[in-house]
Structure formats: structure tokens, C-alpha cells
Amino acid sequence: MCPHEPACPHADAKDREAARTIATHPEQGWSLLCNGVVLFEDTGELLPDGGVIAPHRPTDMAVNAA
């Protein structure tokens, strides 16, 4: 449960990366967000339910939108 006001985005939300960082390990290349998402420095994500989001860059999104 997120203790922040306003609450951080849920792990299923499109803006899940906007959640606050609660632990960071730059030497290992990952951070844990308040919503339980593990965010990797290559922009990949591991969701709390075990789901995986492949690395994505803003330029990848522009190509996919075209």
C-alpha cells in the first residue's frame, strides 16, 4: 500500500514509472518503485505479478506510433 499523498500510480497503470523510488542500486542497474515495480537502467521493468516489460525508449514509442 502506497503511503504517499497523492498515491503513486498502480503497477498496472501506464504511468507506473512515475511512482516514487524506495530503493536504488545503481551499481546493479535497478531501482524498486513504491508500487512494487523493479525498474532497470535499460528501461525494462519487472512487475510485482512477475510480468515483464521489455526495454523501451522514447524513440521506440515514436516509431511504433508511426
PDB file of N, CA and C in Angstrom:
ATOM      1  N   MET A   1       0.831  -1.181   0.000  1.00  0.00           N
ATOM      2  CA  MET A   1       0.000   0.000   0.000  1.00  0.00           C
ATOM      3  C   MET A   1       0.876   1.245   0.000  1.00  0.00           C
ATOM      4  N   CYS A   2       0.601   2.136  -0.898  1.00  0.00           N
ATOM      5  CA  CYS A   2       1.396   3.362  -1.031  1.00  0.00           C
ATOM      6  C   CYS A   2       1.022   4.370   0.060  1.00  0.00           C
ATOM      7  N   PRO A   3       2.006   4.838   0.847  1.00  0.00           N
ATOM      8  CA  PRO A   3       1.717   5.810   1.893  1.00  0.00           C
ATOM      9  C   PRO A   3       1.749   7.261   1.414  1.00  0.00           C
ATOM     10  N   HIS A   4       2.056   7.490   0.145  1.00  0.00           N
ATOM     11  CA  HIS A   4       2.208   8.854  -0.361  1.00  0.00           C
ATOM     12  C   HIS A   4       0.862   9.498  -0.677  1.00  0.00           C
ATOM     13  N   GLU A   5       0.823  10.823  -0.591  1.00  0.00           N
ATOM     14  CA  GLU A   5      -0.354  11.603  -0.957  1.00  0.00           C
ATOM     15  C   GLU A   5       0.048  12.576  -2.028  1.00  0.00           C
ATOM     16  N   PRO A   6      -0.484  12.568  -3.191  1.00  0.00           N
ATOM     17  CA  PRO A   6      -1.403  11.568  -3.715  1.00  0.00           C
ATOM     18  C   PRO A   6      -0.684  10.230  -3.920  1.00  0.00           C
ATOM     19  N   ALA A   7      -1.470   9.198  -3.970  1.00  0.00           N
ATOM     20  CA  ALA A   7      -0.899   7.852  -4.089  1.00  0.00           C
ATOM     21  C   ALA A   7      -0.145   7.675  -5.407  1.00  0.00           C
ATOM     22  N   CYS A   8       0.887   6.861  -5.372  1.00  0.00           N
ATOM     23  CA  CYS A   8       1.655   6.558  -6.585  1.00  0.00           C
ATOM     24  C   CYS A   8       0.790   5.741  -7.550  1.00  0.00           C
ATOM     25  N   PRO A   9       1.085   5.831  -8.848  1.00  0.00           N
ATOM     26  CA  PRO A   9       0.334   5.039  -9.825  1.00  0.00           C
ATOM     27  C   PRO A   9       0.474   3.543  -9.545  1.00  0.00           C
ATOM     28  N   HIS A  10      -0.577   2.813  -9.764  1.00  0.00           N
ATOM     29  CA  HIS A  10      -0.586   1.359  -9.573  1.00  0.00           C
ATOM     30  C   HIS A  10       0.353   0.706 -10.586  1.00  0.00           C
ATOM     31  N   ALA A  11       0.842  -0.465 -10.282  1.00  0.00           N
ATOM     32  CA  ALA A  11       1.772  -1.175 -11.162  1.00  0.00           C
ATOM     33  C   ALA A  11       1.157  -1.500 -12.523  1.00  0.00           C
ATOM     34  N   ASP A  12      -0.178  -1.546 -12.618  1.00  0.00           N
ATOM     35  CA  ASP A  12      -0.850  -1.821 -13.889  1.00  0.00           C
ATOM     36  C   ASP A  12      -1.091  -0.568 -14.726  1.00  0.00           C
ATOM     37  N   ALA A  13      -0.860   0.612 -14.149  1.00  0.00           N
ATOM     38  CA  ALA A  13      -1.132   1.874 -14.847  1.00  0.00           C
ATOM     39  C   ALA A  13      -0.066   2.158 -15.907  1.00  0.00           C
ATOM     40  N   LYS A  14      -0.442   2.884 -16.939  1.00  0.00           N
ATOM     41  CA  LYS A  14       0.523   3.242 -17.987  1.00  0.00           C
ATOM     42  C   LYS A  14       1.635   4.135 -17.448  1.00  0.00           C
ATOM     43  N   ASP A  15       1.333   4.940 -16.429  1.00  0.00           N
ATOM     44  CA  ASP A  15       2.337   5.839 -15.854  1.00  0.00           C
ATOM     45  C   ASP A  15       3.007   5.252 -14.606  1.00  0.00           C
ATOM     46  N   ARG A  16       3.091   3.922 -14.533  1.00  0.00           N
ATOM     47  CA  ARG A  16       3.652   3.231 -13.366  1.00  0.00           C
ATOM     48  C   ARG A  16       5.066   3.685 -13.026  1.00  0.00           C
ATOM     49  N   GLU A  17       5.834   4.152 -14.008  1.00  0.00           N
ATOM     50  CA  GLU A  17       7.213   4.588 -13.774  1.00  0.00           C
ATOM     51  C   GLU A  17       7.277   5.889 -12.984  1.00  0.00           C
ATOM     52  N   ALA A  18       6.132   6.567 -12.806  1.00  0.00           N
ATOM     53  CA  ALA A  18       6.085   7.820 -12.054  1.00  0.00           C
ATOM     54  C   ALA A  18       6.039   7.590 -10.547  1.00  0.00           C
ATOM     55  N   ALA A  19       5.927   6.343 -10.109  1.00  0.00           N
ATOM     56  CA  ALA A  19       5.918   6.041  -8.673  1.00  0.00           C
ATOM     57  C   ALA A  19       7.260   6.424  -8.057  1.00  0.00           C
ATOM     58  N   ARG A  20       7.240   6.721  -6.788  1.00  0.00           N
ATOM     59  CA  ARG A  20       8.474   7.115  -6.093  1.00  0.00           C
ATOM     60  C   ARG A  20       9.432   5.945  -5.939  1.00  0.00           C
ATOM     61  N   THR A  21      10.701   6.247  -6.012  1.00  0.00           N
ATOM     62  CA  THR A  21      11.751   5.244  -5.808  1.00  0.00           C
ATOM     63  C   THR A  21      11.920   5.031  -4.313  1.00  0.00           C
ATOM     64  N   ILE A  22      11.878   3.768  -3.877  1.00  0.00           N
ATOM     65  CA  ILE A  22      12.069   3.486  -2.452  1.00  0.00           C
ATOM     66  C   ILE A  22      13.393   2.775  -2.175  1.00  0.00           C
ATOM     67  N   ALA A  23      13.998   2.201  -3.197  1.00  0.00           N
ATOM     68  CA  ALA A  23      15.331   1.592  -3.062  1.00  0.00           C
ATOM     69  C   ALA A  23      16.014   1.682  -4.419  1.00  0.00           C
ATOM     70  N   THR A  24      17.286   2.007  -4.390  1.00  0.00           N
ATOM     71  CA  THR A  24      18.028   2.104  -5.646  1.00  0.00           C
ATOM     72  C   THR A  24      19.378   1.410  -5.501  1.00  0.00           C
ATOM     73  N   HIS A  25      19.753   0.721  -6.553  1.00  0.00           N
ATOM     74  CA  HIS A  25      21.039   0.014  -6.595  1.00  0.00           C
ATOM     75  C   HIS A  25      21.695   0.288  -7.951  1.00  0.00           C
ATOM     76  N   PRO A  26      22.228   1.503  -8.131  1.00  0.00           N
ATOM     77  CA  PRO A  26      22.813   1.866  -9.426  1.00  0.00           C
ATOM     78  C   PRO A  26      23.982   0.975  -9.826  1.00  0.00           C
ATOM     79  N   GLU A  27      24.684   0.425  -8.851  1.00  0.00           N
ATOM     80  CA  GLU A  27      25.807  -0.459  -9.173  1.00  0.00           C
ATOM     81  C   GLU A  27      25.317  -1.761  -9.807  1.00  0.00           C
ATOM     82  N   GLN A  28      24.044  -2.105  -9.570  1.00  0.00           N
ATOM     83  CA  GLN A  28      23.446  -3.298 -10.168  1.00  0.00           C
ATOM     84  C   GLN A  28      22.483  -2.945 -11.295  1.00  0.00           C
ATOM     85  N   GLY A  29      22.170  -1.654 -11.437  1.00  0.00           N
ATOM     86  CA  GLY A  29      21.349  -1.195 -12.550  1.00  0.00           C
ATOM     87  C   GLY A  29      19.852  -1.303 -12.363  1.00  0.00           C
ATOM     88  N   TRP A  30      19.361  -1.243 -11.105  1.00  0.00           N
ATOM     89  CA  TRP A  30      17.918  -1.328 -10.905  1.00  0.00           C
ATOM     90  C   TRP A  30      17.473  -0.490  -9.721  1.00  0.00           C
ATOM     91  N   SER A  31      16.168  -0.168  -9.728  1.00  0.00           N
ATOM     92  CA  SER A  31      15.537   0.562  -8.633  1.00  0.00           C
ATOM     93  C   SER A  31      14.182  -0.070  -8.351  1.00  0.00           C
ATOM     94  N   LEU A  32      13.768  -0.028  -7.093  1.00  0.00           N
ATOM     95  CA  LEU A  32      12.453  -0.520  -6.685  1.00  0.00           C
ATOM     96  C   LEU A  32      11.551   0.683  -6.478  1.00  0.00           C
ATOM     97  N   LEU A  33      10.403   0.671  -7.143  1.00  0.00           N
ATOM     98  CA  LEU A  33       9.445   1.754  -7.005  1.00  0.00           C
ATOM     99  C   LEU A  33       8.407   1.409  -5.937  1.00  0.00           C
ATOM    100  N   CYS A  34       7.729   2.421  -5.433  1.00  0.00           N
ATOM    101  CA  CYS A  34       6.740   2.267  -4.370  1.00  0.00           C
ATOM    102  C   CYS A  34       5.624   1.298  -4.744  1.00  0.00           C
ATOM    103  N   ASN A  35       5.312   1.197  -6.021  1.00  0.00           N
ATOM    104  CA  ASN A  35       4.228   0.318  -6.465  1.00  0.00           C
ATOM    105  C   ASN A  35       4.685  -1.125  -6.685  1.00  0.00           C
ATOM    106  N   GLY A  36       5.923  -1.431  -6.340  1.00  0.00           N
ATOM    107  CA  GLY A  36       6.430  -2.797  -6.449  1.00  0.00           C
ATOM    108  C   GLY A  36       7.113  -3.111  -7.764  1.00  0.00           C
ATOM    109  N   VAL A  37       7.185  -2.157  -8.666  1.00  0.00           N
ATOM    110  CA  VAL A  37       7.845  -2.348  -9.960  1.00  0.00           C
ATOM    111  C   VAL A  37       9.351  -2.222  -9.781  1.00  0.00           C
ATOM    112  N   VAL A  38      10.094  -3.156 -10.372  1.00  0.00           N
ATOM    113  CA  VAL A  38      11.550  -3.044 -10.427  1.00  0.00           C
ATOM    114  C   VAL A  38      11.878  -2.448 -11.788  1.00  0.00           C
ATOM    115  N   LEU A  39      12.506  -1.285 -11.772  1.00  0.00           N
ATOM    116  CA  LEU A  39      12.844  -0.553 -12.988  1.00  0.00           C
ATOM    117  C   LEU A  39      14.340  -0.703 -13.238  1.00  0.00           C
ATOM    118  N   PHE A  40      14.699  -1.196 -14.422  1.00  0.00           N
ATOM    119  CA  PHE A  40      16.097  -1.403 -14.780  1.00  0.00           C
ATOM    120  C   PHE A  40      16.626  -0.222 -15.577  1.00  0.00           C
ATOM    121  N   GLU A  41      17.938  -0.002 -15.528  1.00  0.00           N
ATOM    122  CA  GLU A  41      18.526   1.158 -16.200  1.00  0.00           C
ATOM    123  C   GLU A  41      18.360   1.110 -17.715  1.00  0.00           C
ATOM    124  N   ASP A  42      18.110  -0.056 -18.286  1.00  0.00           N
ATOM    125  CA  ASP A  42      17.879  -0.133 -19.736  1.00  0.00           C
ATOM    126  C   ASP A  42      16.411   0.137 -20.086  1.00  0.00           C
ATOM    127  N   THR A  43      15.620   0.563 -19.100  1.00  0.00           N
ATOM    128  CA  THR A  43      14.198   0.897 -19.178  1.00  0.00           C
ATOM    129  C   THR A  43      13.292  -0.323 -19.181  1.00  0.00           C
ATOM    130  N   GLY A  44      13.824  -1.515 -18.987  1.00  0.00           N
ATOM    131  CA  GLY A  44      12.986  -2.688 -18.812  1.00  0.00           C
ATOM    132  C   GLY A  44      12.377  -2.667 -17.419  1.00  0.00           C
ATOM    133  N   GLU A  45      11.301  -3.432 -17.235  1.00  0.00           N
ATOM    134  CA  GLU A  45      10.612  -3.440 -15.947  1.00  0.00           C
ATOM    135  C   GLU A  45      10.199  -4.860 -15.584  1.00  0.00           C
ATOM    136  N   LEU A  46      10.212  -5.134 -14.296  1.00  0.00           N
ATOM    137  CA  LEU A  46       9.683  -6.369 -13.747  1.00  0.00           C
ATOM    138  C   LEU A  46       8.510  -5.969 -12.859  1.00  0.00           C
ATOM    139  N   LEU A  47       7.320  -6.470 -13.184  1.00  0.00           N
ATOM    140  CA  LEU A  47       6.116  -6.110 -12.447  1.00  0.00           C
ATOM    141  C   LEU A  47       5.944  -7.001 -11.228  1.00  0.00           C
ATOM    142  N   PRO A  48       5.195  -6.551 -10.216  1.00  0.00           N
ATOM    143  CA  PRO A  48       5.026  -7.343  -8.998  1.00  0.00           C
ATOM    144  C   PRO A  48       4.397  -8.717  -9.238  1.00  0.00           C
ATOM    145  N   ASP A  49       3.595  -8.861 -10.297  1.00  0.00           N
ATOM    146  CA  ASP A  49       2.966 -10.150 -10.576  1.00  0.00           C
ATOM    147  C   ASP A  49       3.868 -11.076 -11.389  1.00  0.00           C
ATOM    148  N   GLY A  50       5.117 -10.645 -11.647  1.00  0.00           N
ATOM    149  CA  GLY A  50       6.070 -11.449 -12.409  1.00  0.00           C
ATOM    150  C   GLY A  50       6.089 -11.110 -13.885  1.00  0.00           C
ATOM    151  N   GLY A  51       5.218 -10.213 -14.312  1.00  0.00           N
ATOM    152  CA  GLY A  51       5.195  -9.782 -15.710  1.00  0.00           C
ATOM    153  C   GLY A  51       6.452  -9.000 -16.057  1.00  0.00           C
ATOM    154  N   VAL A  52       6.764  -8.971 -17.335  1.00  0.00           N
ATOM    155  CA  VAL A  52       7.966  -8.294 -17.815  1.00  0.00           C
ATOM    156  C   VAL A  52       7.572  -7.266 -18.866  1.00  0.00           C
ATOM    157  N   ILE A  53       8.145  -6.079 -18.766  1.00  0.00           N
ATOM    158  CA  ILE A  53       8.004  -5.046 -19.779  1.00  0.00           C
ATOM    159  C   ILE A  53       9.378  -4.922 -20.433  1.00  0.00           C
ATOM    160  N   ALA A  54       9.428  -5.147 -21.725  1.00  0.00           N
ATOM    161  CA  ALA A  54      10.703  -5.077 -22.450  1.00  0.00           C
ATOM    162  C   ALA A  54      11.259  -3.653 -22.403  1.00  0.00           C
ATOM    163  N   PRO A  55      12.578  -3.516 -22.493  1.00  0.00           N
ATOM    164  CA  PRO A  55      13.160  -2.177 -22.535  1.00  0.00           C
ATOM    165  C   PRO A  55      12.506  -1.341 -23.636  1.00  0.00           C
ATOM    166  N   HIS A  56      12.270  -0.084 -23.308  1.00  0.00           N
ATOM    167  CA  HIS A  56      11.624   0.826 -24.246  1.00  0.00           C
ATOM    168  C   HIS A  56      12.235   2.212 -24.100  1.00  0.00           C
ATOM    169  N   ARG A  57      12.391   2.852 -25.184  1.00  0.00           N
ATOM    170  CA  ARG A  57      12.968   4.188 -25.219  1.00  0.00           C
ATOM    171  C   ARG A  57      11.952   5.116 -25.876  1.00  0.00           C
ATOM    172  N   PRO A  58      12.002   6.410 -25.589  1.00  0.00           N
ATOM    173  CA  PRO A  58      11.076   7.345 -26.220  1.00  0.00           C
ATOM    174  C   PRO A  58      11.114   7.257 -27.750  1.00  0.00           C
ATOM    175  N   THR A  59      12.278   6.978 -28.311  1.00  0.00           N
ATOM    176  CA  THR A  59      12.373   6.880 -29.757  1.00  0.00           C
ATOM    177  C   THR A  59      11.663   5.629 -30.272  1.00  0.00           C
ATOM    178  N   ASP A  60      11.631   4.543 -29.456  1.00  0.00           N
ATOM    179  CA  ASP A  60      10.894   3.339 -29.831  1.00  0.00           C
ATOM    180  C   ASP A  60       9.413   3.633 -29.924  1.00  0.00           C
ATOM    181  N   MET A  61       8.902   4.451 -29.006  1.00  0.00           N
ATOM    182  CA  MET A  61       7.482   4.772 -28.992  1.00  0.00           C
ATOM    183  C   MET A  61       7.100   5.587 -30.223  1.00  0.00           C
ATOM    184  N   ALA A  62       7.977   6.488 -30.664  1.00  0.00           N
ATOM    185  CA  ALA A  62       7.701   7.298 -31.843  1.00  0.00           C
ATOM    186  C   ALA A  62       7.635   6.424 -33.087  1.00  0.00           C
ATOM    187  N   VAL A  63       8.492   5.426 -33.176  1.00  0.00           N
ATOM    188  CA  VAL A  63       8.498   4.517 -34.320  1.00  0.00           C
ATOM    189  C   VAL A  63       7.235   3.669 -34.318  1.00  0.00           C
ATOM    190  N   ASN A  64       6.835   3.185 -33.145  1.00  0.00           N
ATOM    191  CA  ASN A  64       5.632   2.363 -33.045  1.00  0.00           C
ATOM    192  C   ASN A  64       4.377   3.151 -33.342  1.00  0.00           C
ATOM    193  N   ALA A  65       4.369   4.437 -33.082  1.00  0.00           N
ATOM    194  CA  ALA A  65       3.191   5.271 -33.328  1.00  0.00           C
ATOM    195  C   ALA A  65       3.028   5.585 -34.808  1.00  0.00           C
ATOM    196  N   ALA A  66       4.102   5.504 -35.559  1.00  0.00           N
ATOM    197  CA  ALA A  66       4.048   5.880 -36.980  1.00  0.00           C
ATOM    198  C   ALA A  66       3.411   4.807 -37.835  1.00  0.00           C
TER     199      ALA A  66
END
